C-alpha atoms as a PDB file:
ATOM      1  CA  MET A   1     183.903  61.266 -38.285  1.00  0.00           C
ATOM      2  CA  THR A   2     184.551  57.785 -39.503  1.00  0.00           C
ATOM      3  CA  ASP A   3     187.847  56.339 -40.443  1.00  0.00           C
ATOM      4  CA  PRO A   4     187.972  55.843 -44.242  1.00  0.00           C
ATOM      5  CA  THR A   5     190.217  52.781 -43.868  1.00  0.00           C
ATOM      6  CA  SER A   6     187.784  50.871 -41.693  1.00  0.00           C
ATOM      7  CA  ALA A   7     185.595  50.069 -44.698  1.00  0.00           C
ATOM      8  CA  TYR A   8     188.576  48.741 -46.657  1.00  0.00           C
ATOM      9  CA  PRO A   9     190.867  46.829 -44.351  1.00  0.00           C
ATOM     10  CA  GLU A  10     193.297  45.871 -47.136  1.00  0.00           C
ATOM     11  CA  TYR A  11     193.738  49.481 -48.107  1.00  0.00           C
ATOM     12  CA  GLU A  12     196.713  51.224 -46.631  1.00  0.00           C
ATOM     13  CA  PRO A  13     196.343  54.963 -46.597  1.00  0.00           C
ATOM     14  CA  TYR A  14     199.978  55.654 -47.344  1.00  0.00           C
ATOM     15  CA  PRO A  15     201.838  52.811 -48.969  1.00  0.00           C
ATOM     16  CA  PRO A  16     205.580  52.820 -48.408  1.00  0.00           C
ATOM     17  CA  GLN A  17     207.320  54.966 -50.985  1.00  0.00           C
ATOM     18  CA  PRO A  18     210.648  53.970 -52.365  1.00  0.00           C
ATOM     19  CA  ALA A  19     213.366  56.389 -51.534  1.00  0.00           C
ATOM     20  CA  VAL A  20     214.963  58.110 -54.497  1.00  0.00           C
ATOM     21  CA  ALA A  21     218.626  58.761 -54.253  1.00  0.00           C
ATOM     22  CA  GLN A  22     220.012  61.249 -56.680  1.00  0.00           C
ATOM     23  CA  LEU A  23     223.607  62.080 -57.011  1.00  0.00           C
ATOM     24  CA  PRO A  24     224.737  64.992 -59.095  1.00  0.00           C
ATOM     25  CA  GLY A  25     225.400  63.918 -62.628  1.00  0.00           C
ATOM     26  CA  LEU A  26     223.805  60.503 -62.272  1.00  0.00           C
ATOM     27  CA  PRO A  27     220.331  59.378 -63.124  1.00  0.00           C
ATOM     28  CA  PRO A  28     218.033  58.993 -60.146  1.00  0.00           C
ATOM     29  CA  GLN A  29     218.162  55.578 -58.472  1.00  0.00           C
ATOM     30  CA  VAL A  30     215.438  54.013 -56.489  1.00  0.00           C
ATOM     31  CA  VAL A  31     216.557  52.610 -53.145  1.00  0.00           C
ATOM     32  CA  GLU A  32     214.243  50.221 -51.419  1.00  0.00           C
ATOM     33  CA  GLN A  33     213.870  50.826 -47.721  1.00  0.00           C
ATOM     34  CA  PRO A  34     213.513  47.853 -45.466  1.00  0.00           C
ATOM     35  CA  PRO A  35     209.994  47.363 -44.160  1.00  0.00           C
ATOM     36  CA  VAL A  36     209.400  49.079 -40.872  1.00  0.00           C
ATOM     37  CA  GLN A  37     208.753  46.749 -37.962  1.00  0.00           C
ATOM     38  CA  PRO A  38     205.680  47.711 -36.026  1.00  0.00           C
ATOM     39  CA  ALA A  39     206.475  48.927 -32.521  1.00  0.00           C
ATOM     40  CA  PRO A  40     206.182  46.160 -29.980  1.00  0.00           C
ATOM     41  CA  ALA A  41     203.072  46.325 -27.860  1.00  0.00           C
ATOM     42  CA  PRO A  42     203.789  47.583 -24.366  1.00  0.00           C
ATOM     43  CA  LYS A  43     204.001  44.860 -21.763  1.00  0.00           C
ATOM     44  CA  PRO A  44     200.920  44.665 -19.586  1.00  0.00           C
ATOM     45  CA  LYS A  45     201.491  45.952 -16.087  1.00  0.00           C
ATOM     46  CA  LYS A  46     201.547  43.256 -13.414  1.00  0.00           C
ATOM     47  CA  THR A  47     201.314  45.539 -10.394  1.00  0.00           C
ATOM     48  CA  GLY A  48     197.805  44.370  -9.499  1.00  0.00           C
ATOM     49  CA  LEU A  49     198.811  40.709  -9.711  1.00  0.00           C
ATOM     50  CA  VAL A  50     201.843  41.317  -7.486  1.00  0.00           C
ATOM     51  CA  ILE A  51     199.768  43.151  -4.877  1.00  0.00           C
ATOM     52  CA  VAL A  52     197.073  40.447  -4.887  1.00  0.00           C
ATOM     53  CA  SER A  53     199.772  37.758  -4.545  1.00  0.00           C
ATOM     54  CA  ILE A  54     201.384  39.541  -1.592  1.00  0.00           C
ATOM     55  CA  VAL A  55     198.014  40.024   0.133  1.00  0.00           C
ATOM     56  CA  ALA A  56     197.145  36.348  -0.453  1.00  0.00           C
ATOM     57  CA  VAL A  57     200.470  35.226   1.053  1.00  0.00           C
ATOM     58  CA  LEU A  58     199.910  37.501   4.065  1.00  0.00           C
ATOM     59  CA  PHE A  59     196.404  36.115   4.553  1.00  0.00           C
ATOM     60  CA  LEU A  60     197.715  32.548   4.361  1.00  0.00           C
ATOM     61  CA  ALA A  61     200.456  33.358   6.878  1.00  0.00           C
ATOM     62  CA  ALA A  62     197.901  34.985   9.210  1.00  0.00           C
ATOM     63  CA  ALA A  63     195.554  31.997   8.846  1.00  0.00           C
ATOM     64  CA  ALA A  64     198.379  29.571   9.616  1.00  0.00           C
ATOM     65  CA  THR A  65     199.447  31.644  12.634  1.00  0.00           C
ATOM     66  CA  PHE A  66     195.940  31.886  14.037  1.00  0.00           C
ATOM     67  CA  GLY A  67     195.328  28.198  13.350  1.00  0.00           C
ATOM     68  CA  GLY A  68     198.487  27.270  15.233  1.00  0.00           C
ATOM     69  CA  LEU A  69     197.535  29.536  18.132  1.00  0.00           C
ATOM     70  CA  TYR A  70     194.018  28.058  18.200  1.00  0.00           C
ATOM     71  CA  PHE A  71     195.192  24.454  18.366  1.00  0.00           C
ATOM     72  CA  ASN A  72     197.880  25.313  20.918  1.00  0.00           C
ATOM     73  CA  GLU A  73     195.342  27.060  23.137  1.00  0.00           C
ATOM     74  CA  LYS A  74     192.837  24.249  22.621  1.00  0.00           C
ATOM     75  CA  SER A  75     195.313  21.645  23.922  1.00  0.00           C
ATOM     76  CA  HIS A  76     196.286  23.970  26.797  1.00  0.00           C
ATOM     77  CA  SER A  77     192.606  24.389  27.665  1.00  0.00           C
ATOM     78  CA  ARG A  78     192.119  20.609  27.654  1.00  0.00           C
ATOM     79  CA  GLU A  79     195.100  20.197  30.006  1.00  0.00           C
ATOM     80  CA  LEU A  80     193.676  22.821  32.361  1.00  0.00           C
ATOM     81  CA  ALA A  81     190.262  21.145  32.316  1.00  0.00           C
ATOM     82  CA  ASP A  82     191.823  17.772  33.125  1.00  0.00           C
ATOM     83  CA  THR A  83     193.865  19.311  35.948  1.00  0.00           C
ATOM     84  CA  SER A  84     190.811  21.122  37.278  1.00  0.00           C
ATOM     85  CA  SER A  85     188.658  17.982  37.258  1.00  0.00           C
ATOM     86  CA  ALA A  86     191.449  15.994  38.957  1.00  0.00           C
ATOM     87  CA  GLN A  87     191.735  18.649  41.657  1.00  0.00           C
ATOM     88  CA  ALA A  88     187.955  18.682  42.073  1.00  0.00           C
ATOM     89  CA  ARG A  89     188.018  14.893  42.552  1.00  0.00           C
ATOM     90  CA  GLU A  90     190.822  15.233  45.094  1.00  0.00           C
ATOM     91  CA  LEU A  91     188.896  17.929  46.978  1.00  0.00           C
ATOM     92  CA  THR A  92     185.746  15.819  46.980  1.00  0.00           C
ATOM     93  CA  LYS A  93     187.703  12.844  48.269  1.00  0.00           C
ATOM     94  CA  ALA A  94     189.384  15.012  50.913  1.00  0.00           C
ATOM     95  CA  GLY A  95     185.962  16.335  51.982  1.00  0.00           C
ATOM     96  CA  ASP A  96     184.619  12.790  52.246  1.00  0.00           C
ATOM     97  CA  ASP A  97     187.701  11.746  54.222  1.00  0.00           C
ATOM     98  CA  ALA A  98     187.240  14.763  56.513  1.00  0.00           C
ATOM     99  CA  LYS A  99     183.610  13.796  57.146  1.00  0.00           C
ATOM    100  CA  LYS A 100     184.684  10.224  57.891  1.00  0.00           C
ATOM    101  CA  LEU A 101     187.422  11.466  60.224  1.00  0.00           C
ATOM    102  CA  LYS A 102     184.925  13.736  62.013  1.00  0.00           C
ATOM    103  CA  ALA A 103     182.601  10.772  62.460  1.00  0.00           C
ATOM    104  CA  ASP A 104     185.526   8.655  63.714  1.00  0.00           C
ATOM    105  CA  LEU A 105     186.525  11.484  66.066  1.00  0.00           C
ATOM    106  CA  ALA A 106     182.982  11.728  67.435  1.00  0.00           C
ATOM    107  CA  THR A 107     182.931   7.945  67.916  1.00  0.00           C
ATOM    108  CA  ALA A 108     186.335   8.039  69.629  1.00  0.00           C
ATOM    109  CA  GLU A 109     185.275  10.911  71.889  1.00  0.00           C
ATOM    110  CA  ASP A 110     182.095   9.031  72.795  1.00  0.00           C
ATOM    111  CA  ALA A 111     184.146   5.919  73.557  1.00  0.00           C
ATOM    112  CA  ARG A 112     186.587   8.010  75.648  1.00  0.00           C
ATOM    113  CA  ARG A 113     183.710   9.603  77.579  1.00  0.00           C
ATOM    114  CA  LYS A 114     182.187   6.182  78.213  1.00  0.00           C
ATOM    115  CA  ALA A 115     185.580   4.851  79.301  1.00  0.00           C
ATOM    116  CA  GLU A 116     186.033   7.784  81.706  1.00  0.00           C
ATOM    117  CA  GLU A 117     182.563   7.165  83.125  1.00  0.00           C
ATOM    118  CA  ALA A 118     183.365   3.468  83.499  1.00  0.00           C
ATOM    119  CA  GLN A 119     186.663   4.386  85.148  1.00  0.00           C
ATOM    120  CA  LYS A 120     184.913   6.720  87.600  1.00  0.00           C
ATOM    121  CA  LYS A 121     182.312   4.075  88.244  1.00  0.00           C
ATOM    122  CA  ALA A 122     185.034   1.483  88.766  1.00  0.00           C
ATOM    123  CA  GLU A 123     186.929   3.822  91.059  1.00  0.00           C
ATOM    124  CA  GLY A 124     183.697   4.428  92.973  1.00  0.00           C
ATOM    125  CA  ALA A 125     183.127   0.685  93.092  1.00  0.00           C
ATOM    126  CA  VAL A 126     186.666   0.169  94.302  1.00  0.00           C
ATOM    127  CA  GLY A 127     186.108   2.858  96.936  1.00  0.00           C
ATOM    128  CA  ASN A 128     182.855   1.156  97.970  1.00  0.00           C
ATOM    129  CA  ALA A 129     184.549  -2.221  97.862  1.00  0.00           C
ATOM    130  CA  THR A 130     187.305  -0.903 100.070  1.00  0.00           C
ATOM    131  CA  LYS A 131     184.732   0.477 102.516  1.00  0.00           C
ATOM    132  CA  CYS A 132     182.894  -2.860 102.360  1.00  0.00           C
ATOM    133  CA  GLN A 133     186.162  -4.720 102.964  1.00  0.00           C
ATOM    134  CA  GLU A 134     186.944  -2.451 105.931  1.00  0.00           C
ATOM    135  CA  ALA A 135     183.446  -3.027 107.363  1.00  0.00           C
ATOM    136  CA  ALA A 136     183.797  -6.808 106.838  1.00  0.00           C
ATOM    137  CA  ARG A 137     187.212  -6.792 108.524  1.00  0.00           C
ATOM    138  CA  THR A 138     185.778  -4.840 111.430  1.00  0.00           C
ATOM    139  CA  LEU A 139     182.890  -7.337 111.631  1.00  0.00           C
ATOM    140  CA  ARG A 140     185.297 -10.265 111.696  1.00  0.00           C
ATOM    141  CA  GLU A 141     187.495  -8.690 114.317  1.00  0.00           C
ATOM    142  CA  THR A 142     184.555  -7.868 116.560  1.00  0.00           C
ATOM    143  CA  ALA A 143     183.147 -11.357 116.096  1.00  0.00           C
ATOM    144  CA  ILE A 144     186.500 -12.841 117.179  1.00  0.00           C
ATOM    145  CA  ALA A 145     186.712 -10.428 120.101  1.00  0.00           C
ATOM    146  CA  GLY A 146     183.181 -11.382 121.239  1.00  0.00           C
ATOM    147  CA  ASP A 147     181.916  -7.833 121.906  1.00  0.00           C
ATOM    148  CA  PHE A 148     178.240  -7.977 120.950  1.00  0.00           C
ATOM    149  CA  ASP A 149     177.600  -4.212 120.936  1.00  0.00           C
ATOM    150  CA  LYS A 150     180.456  -3.616 118.522  1.00  0.00           C
ATOM    151  CA  LEU A 151     179.336  -6.662 116.574  1.00  0.00           C
ATOM    152  CA  ASN A 152     175.816  -5.213 116.060  1.00  0.00           C
ATOM    153  CA  ARG A 153     177.273  -1.903 114.880  1.00  0.00           C
ATOM    154  CA  ALA A 154     179.701  -3.717 112.559  1.00  0.00           C
ATOM    155  CA  VAL A 155     176.823  -5.764 111.039  1.00  0.00           C
ATOM    156  CA  ALA A 156     174.822  -2.543 110.458  1.00  0.00           C
ATOM    157  CA  GLU A 157     177.875  -0.945 108.855  1.00  0.00           C
ATOM    158  CA  VAL A 158     178.429  -3.939 106.565  1.00  0.00           C
ATOM    159  CA  LEU A 159     174.764  -3.879 105.514  1.00  0.00           C
ATOM    160  CA  ALA A 160     174.917  -0.114 104.860  1.00  0.00           C
ATOM    161  CA  THR A 161     178.143  -0.135 102.811  1.00  0.00           C
ATOM    162  CA  CYS A 162     177.883  -3.428 100.984  1.00  0.00           C
END
C-alpha cells in the first residue's frame, strides 16, 4: 500500500488541533498548544570507528616495534660480520706466519745439522791433525836421535796419517 502523503508533501495528515478548555459556566476557550519539537535524531554509533582506530594504533605500534627490532638486528649482524672478517684475517695471517716459522725452523734445523757435521768433521780433522802432529814429533825425535830404522817407520807413519 502506498502512503497517501507521499504524493502531497505539503499535506499533513493530522494538523495540530487547538486544545479547547472549558470551565463550568464559562464559554469554551481555545488554548493554543506550543508546537511540538520533533524528536532529535539518534546519534550515530561510533563503535566501528573506535575499533578501527584501536586496531590501526596497534598495527602502527607493531610496525614500529618490528622496525626497531629489524634495524637493531641489522646493525648487530653488521658488527658480527665485521668481527668475523677481522678474525678470518687474523687466522689467515697466523697461518701464513706459522708457515713462515715452519720454513724458518726447517732452515734452522738444516743449518744446525750442517754445523754439527762441520763440527764432527773439524773434530775428526783435529784428531787427524793431532795424530799427524804426534807422527811429525816422532819423526823429528828419531831424526835427532839418528836411528834410521825408527826414522823409516816414522816417515811411513807421517805419510799414512798426514
